[in-house]
Amino acid sequence: MERPIHGKYIIKGKIILKTGLRVGGQELGVNIGGVDNPVIRNPLTGEPYIPGSSIKGKMRSLMERLKNKDLVPIVDGSTKISIHICKEKDCEICRLFGASGKLDNEKRISIPSRLIVRDAFLTEESKDRLLNMETDLPYTEWKTENALDRVTCSAVPRPVERVPAGAEFEFEIVYTAENKEHIKEDLENIATALELVEDDYLGGSGSRGYGKVEFKIEELIFKSSDYYLGKEDPKSKTLKGDIEDFKKAISELVKG
């Protein structure tokens, strides 16, 4: 499969938490009175972050549903999941997010992703604010929830760890332009996916109010193949922050 690089579009900005966020981490042990469902943290700094895989996976899942794509049940380890798998290399979902799987007895399908979604880390301002909170956990909060007995209505409280509302994370998405005819549509699909996530949720427990986010898109950068060959400068556009402004910038930058 030929994979030319016509250039790269880099989308930068912030993820602002409108409600508390919990992206689960590994439980290293059970402590009496400890917190259930700890959040994922950078092992070097202890700071919570949002994995790029969580953002990208949510974007893809919502776009597959929006475009009414067929979902195929597969077994991933011990878990049965349903995902979209197709053989069309120009499928607007698979060419953007990538595809790997097998349909019936056919050969394994592999379509490389054109999209890179990097891990999102706390801004310096949020680090300072969260570290100075009066909680028993660094950077996060305990939220006490109740499991309710449907018969007796007795409540069993349990503490859950999450990153509080108001925290901000820096994010970066990189799109590789491989087919000039697809660029505008692919970038518009990225914008649509981000808007869908805003109206849905990130992380766990979304139906209970967790994970409402806002994407504040601050810059769209285009680096052509000639830039990487040292022949021209990158093009950059500063944005107001909302999705609609991002869509306008796409039209202007791709046209130019």
Protein backbone atom coordinates (compact mmCIF):
# COMPACT_ATOMS: atom_id res chain seq x y z
CA MET A 1 0.00 0.00 0.00
CA GLU A 2 1.43 3.37 -1.04
CA ARG A 3 1.38 5.93 1.77
CA PRO A 4 2.68 9.29 0.53
CA ILE A 5 3.02 12.21 2.95
CA HIS A 6 1.57 15.38 1.43
CA GLY A 7 1.85 17.10 4.79
CA LYS A 8 0.68 17.05 8.39
CA TYR A 9 -2.07 19.05 10.09
CA ILE A 10 -1.47 19.60 13.80
CA ILE A 11 -4.38 20.55 16.04
CA LYS A 12 -3.49 21.98 19.46
CA GLY A 13 -5.56 23.17 22.37
CA LYS A 14 -6.96 22.35 25.78
CA ILE A 15 -9.47 19.88 27.17
CA ILE A 16 -11.49 21.62 29.89
CA LEU A 17 -13.34 19.42 32.38
CA LYS A 18 -16.90 20.61 32.91
CA THR A 19 -17.58 17.76 35.35
CA GLY A 20 -15.28 15.37 37.19
CA LEU A 21 -13.38 12.88 35.03
CA ARG A 22 -12.36 9.34 35.80
CA VAL A 23 -10.17 7.36 33.45
CA GLY A 24 -9.42 4.22 35.41
CA GLY A 25 -5.91 3.19 36.36
CA GLN A 26 -4.38 0.02 37.75
CA GLU A 27 -5.24 -1.00 41.29
CA LEU A 28 -1.97 -1.96 42.94
CA GLY A 29 -3.52 -3.32 46.11
CA VAL A 30 -6.52 -3.28 48.39
CA ASN A 31 -6.41 -0.97 51.38
CA ILE A 32 -9.05 -0.75 54.09
CA GLY A 33 -10.78 2.59 53.62
CA GLY A 34 -9.03 3.03 50.28
CA VAL A 35 -10.45 4.51 47.10
CA ASP A 36 -12.27 2.36 44.54
CA ASN A 37 -11.41 2.82 40.86
CA PRO A 38 -8.23 4.94 41.03
CA VAL A 39 -7.50 7.22 38.08
CA ILE A 40 -4.63 6.62 35.70
CA ARG A 41 -1.48 8.57 36.62
CA ASN A 42 1.92 9.27 35.13
CA PRO A 43 4.19 6.86 37.06
CA LEU A 44 7.05 9.39 37.04
CA THR A 45 5.16 12.40 38.37
CA GLY A 46 2.01 10.97 39.93
CA GLU A 47 -0.08 13.42 37.89
CA PRO A 48 -3.34 12.24 36.29
CA TYR A 49 -3.58 12.39 32.50
CA ILE A 50 -5.98 11.44 29.70
CA PRO A 51 -4.61 8.67 27.45
CA GLY A 52 -4.74 9.43 23.75
CA SER A 53 -6.28 5.99 23.24
CA SER A 54 -9.27 7.02 25.38
CA ILE A 55 -9.86 10.17 23.32
CA LYS A 56 -9.32 8.48 19.95
CA GLY A 57 -11.42 5.44 20.87
CA LYS A 58 -14.35 7.63 21.94
CA MET A 59 -14.07 9.74 18.78
CA ARG A 60 -14.13 6.65 16.59
CA SER A 61 -16.94 4.91 18.44
CA LEU A 62 -19.24 7.92 18.17
CA MET A 63 -18.39 8.49 14.49
CA GLU A 64 -19.17 4.84 13.66
CA ARG A 65 -22.58 5.26 15.25
CA LEU A 66 -23.20 8.61 13.56
CA LYS A 67 -22.33 7.18 10.12
CA ASN A 68 -24.37 4.03 10.86
CA LYS A 69 -21.46 1.67 10.20
CA ASP A 70 -21.91 -2.09 10.55
CA LEU A 71 -20.45 -3.49 13.78
CA VAL A 72 -18.90 -6.94 13.89
CA PRO A 73 -18.64 -8.92 17.16
CA ILE A 74 -15.09 -10.17 17.86
CA VAL A 75 -13.29 -11.67 20.83
CA ASP A 76 -10.41 -9.57 22.18
CA GLY A 77 -8.65 -11.74 24.76
CA SER A 78 -11.39 -12.77 27.16
CA THR A 79 -13.72 -9.92 26.15
CA LYS A 80 -16.31 -9.94 23.39
CA ILE A 81 -16.69 -6.55 21.72
CA SER A 82 -18.37 -5.16 18.60
CA ILE A 83 -16.32 -2.99 16.25
CA HIS A 84 -16.50 -1.74 12.67
CA ILE A 85 -14.29 -3.71 10.28
CA CYS A 86 -14.39 -3.27 6.52
CA LYS A 87 -12.21 -3.95 3.50
CA GLU A 88 -12.58 -0.51 1.94
CA LYS A 89 -9.33 1.43 2.23
CA ASP A 90 -11.23 4.63 1.38
CA CYS A 91 -13.83 4.10 4.13
CA GLU A 92 -14.06 7.51 5.84
CA ILE A 93 -13.80 5.88 9.28
CA CYS A 94 -11.12 3.26 8.62
CA ARG A 95 -8.80 5.48 6.62
CA LEU A 96 -8.87 8.08 9.41
CA PHE A 97 -8.74 5.90 12.53
CA GLY A 98 -7.18 2.76 11.04
CA ALA A 99 -8.54 -0.78 10.91
CA SER A 100 -7.31 -4.16 12.03
CA GLY A 101 -9.41 -7.30 12.07
CA LYS A 102 -10.70 -10.24 10.09
CA LEU A 103 -14.02 -10.84 8.36
CA ASP A 104 -15.14 -14.51 8.42
CA ASN A 105 -12.36 -16.65 6.92
CA GLU A 106 -10.76 -13.88 4.92
CA LYS A 107 -7.24 -12.58 5.42
CA ARG A 108 -6.57 -10.13 8.21
CA ILE A 109 -7.32 -6.55 7.23
CA SER A 110 -4.87 -3.78 8.10
CA ILE A 111 -5.47 -0.11 7.25
CA PRO A 112 -2.94 2.22 8.95
CA SER A 113 -4.38 5.17 10.84
CA ARG A 114 -3.85 8.68 9.51
CA LEU A 115 -4.58 10.08 12.94
CA ILE A 116 -2.32 10.44 15.98
CA VAL A 117 -3.99 11.44 19.25
CA ARG A 118 -1.37 12.12 21.91
CA ASP A 119 -1.79 11.70 25.67
CA ALA A 120 -3.20 14.87 27.26
CA PHE A 121 -1.35 16.22 30.31
CA LEU A 122 -2.33 18.81 32.89
CA THR A 123 -1.51 22.45 32.17
CA GLU A 124 0.93 24.10 34.57
CA GLU A 125 -1.84 26.28 35.98
CA SER A 126 -4.05 23.26 36.68
CA LYS A 127 -1.17 21.42 38.34
CA ASP A 128 -0.75 24.27 40.80
CA ARG A 129 -4.48 24.62 41.49
CA LEU A 130 -5.07 20.91 41.98
CA LEU A 131 -2.01 20.39 44.15
CA ASN A 132 -3.23 23.13 46.51
CA MET A 133 -6.70 21.63 46.94
CA GLU A 134 -7.66 20.52 50.42
CA THR A 135 -8.11 16.83 49.69
CA ASP A 136 -6.38 13.67 50.88
CA LEU A 137 -5.23 12.86 47.32
CA PRO A 138 -2.72 14.70 45.12
CA TYR A 139 -4.36 16.37 42.08
CA THR A 140 -7.69 14.52 42.50
CA GLU A 141 -10.79 14.36 44.68
CA TRP A 142 -12.73 11.67 46.50
CA LYS A 143 -16.34 11.46 45.43
CA THR A 144 -18.52 9.34 47.68
CA GLU A 145 -21.16 7.35 45.83
CA ASN A 146 -23.86 5.05 47.15
CA ALA A 147 -24.78 1.60 45.88
CA LEU A 148 -28.50 1.31 46.67
CA ASP A 149 -30.27 -1.92 47.53
CA ARG A 150 -33.36 -1.97 45.29
CA VAL A 151 -35.39 -3.91 47.89
CA THR A 152 -34.42 -2.38 51.24
CA CYS A 153 -33.18 1.00 49.90
CA SER A 154 -30.17 0.73 52.20
CA ALA A 155 -27.10 2.55 50.90
CA VAL A 156 -23.53 1.26 50.77
CA PRO A 157 -21.15 4.23 50.34
CA ARG A 158 -17.93 3.88 48.38
CA PRO A 159 -15.29 6.51 47.59
CA VAL A 160 -14.31 6.99 43.95
CA GLU A 161 -11.30 8.95 42.71
CA ARG A 162 -11.68 11.47 39.89
CA VAL A 163 -10.09 14.63 38.50
CA PRO A 164 -12.33 17.56 39.55
CA ALA A 165 -14.25 19.90 37.26
CA GLY A 166 -12.28 22.92 36.10
CA ALA A 167 -9.02 21.07 35.44
CA GLU A 168 -7.44 21.64 32.03
CA PHE A 169 -5.30 19.31 29.92
CA GLU A 170 -3.19 20.18 26.88
CA PHE A 171 -4.00 18.04 23.84
CA GLU A 172 -2.49 17.52 20.40
CA ILE A 173 -3.91 15.70 17.39
CA VAL A 174 -1.84 15.07 14.24
CA TYR A 175 -3.45 14.21 10.90
CA THR A 176 -1.25 12.93 8.05
CA ALA A 177 -2.48 13.95 4.59
CA GLU A 178 -2.03 10.92 2.33
CA ASN A 179 -4.68 11.67 -0.29
CA LYS A 180 -5.32 15.28 -1.27
CA GLU A 181 -8.93 14.54 -2.18
CA HIS A 182 -9.63 13.32 1.39
CA ILE A 183 -8.02 16.14 3.39
CA LYS A 184 -11.00 18.45 3.85
CA GLU A 185 -13.45 15.64 4.58
CA ASP A 186 -11.08 13.94 7.04
CA LEU A 187 -10.43 17.17 8.95
CA GLU A 188 -14.15 17.96 9.04
CA ASN A 189 -14.78 14.44 10.41
CA ILE A 190 -12.22 15.14 13.16
CA ALA A 191 -14.12 18.33 14.04
CA THR A 192 -17.41 16.41 14.07
CA ALA A 193 -15.93 13.68 16.28
CA LEU A 194 -14.69 16.25 18.81
CA GLU A 195 -18.11 17.90 18.88
CA LEU A 196 -19.75 14.51 19.45
CA VAL A 197 -17.42 13.85 22.41
CA GLU A 198 -18.34 17.24 23.88
CA ASP A 199 -22.00 16.23 23.78
CA ASP A 200 -21.23 12.77 25.16
CA TYR A 201 -18.49 12.06 27.72
CA LEU A 202 -14.92 10.88 28.24
CA GLY A 203 -13.87 8.17 30.69
CA GLY A 204 -16.22 6.16 32.86
CA SER A 205 -19.59 6.77 34.54
CA GLY A 206 -20.78 9.24 31.93
CA SER A 207 -24.45 8.41 32.56
CA ARG A 208 -23.89 9.51 36.18
CA GLY A 209 -22.57 12.91 35.20
CA TYR A 210 -18.83 12.23 34.84
CA GLY A 211 -16.67 13.18 31.88
CA LYS A 212 -18.34 16.23 30.29
CA VAL A 213 -15.56 18.07 28.48
CA GLU A 214 -14.97 21.04 26.20
CA PHE A 215 -12.30 21.10 23.50
CA LYS A 216 -10.77 24.57 23.26
CA ILE A 217 -8.92 24.47 19.94
CA GLU A 218 -6.25 27.15 19.93
CA GLU A 219 -4.09 26.49 16.88
CA LEU A 220 -4.17 24.67 13.54
CA ILE A 221 -0.77 24.17 11.91
CA PHE A 222 -0.03 22.80 8.44
CA LYS A 223 3.41 21.46 7.59
CA SER A 224 3.66 20.45 3.93
CA SER A 225 6.01 17.85 2.50
CA ASP A 226 8.14 20.77 1.25
CA TYR A 227 8.45 22.00 4.85
CA TYR A 228 10.00 18.68 5.91
CA LEU A 229 12.33 18.90 2.90
CA GLY A 230 13.44 22.38 4.05
CA LYS A 231 11.80 24.26 1.17
CA GLU A 232 9.07 26.31 2.91
CA ASP A 233 7.72 27.49 6.25
CA PRO A 234 4.73 25.97 8.06
CA LYS A 235 1.34 27.67 7.91
CA SER A 236 -0.36 28.40 11.21
CA LYS A 237 -3.74 29.79 12.21
CA THR A 238 -4.63 30.92 15.73
CA LEU A 239 -8.20 30.04 16.69
CA LYS A 240 -10.82 31.39 19.07
CA GLY A 241 -11.37 27.98 20.61
CA ASP A 242 -14.78 26.67 19.55
CA ILE A 243 -15.50 23.87 17.06
CA GLU A 244 -17.22 26.18 14.54
CA ASP A 245 -14.12 28.38 14.33
CA PHE A 246 -12.05 25.22 13.79
CA LYS A 247 -14.29 24.20 10.88
CA LYS A 248 -13.85 27.63 9.27
CA ALA A 249 -10.09 27.39 9.68
CA ILE A 250 -10.11 24.01 7.93
CA SER A 251 -11.75 25.51 4.86
CA GLU A 252 -9.32 28.42 4.77
CA LEU A 253 -6.16 26.42 5.36
CA VAL A 254 -6.97 23.52 3.03
CA LYS A 255 -8.06 25.94 0.27
CA GLY A 256 -4.87 27.94 0.70
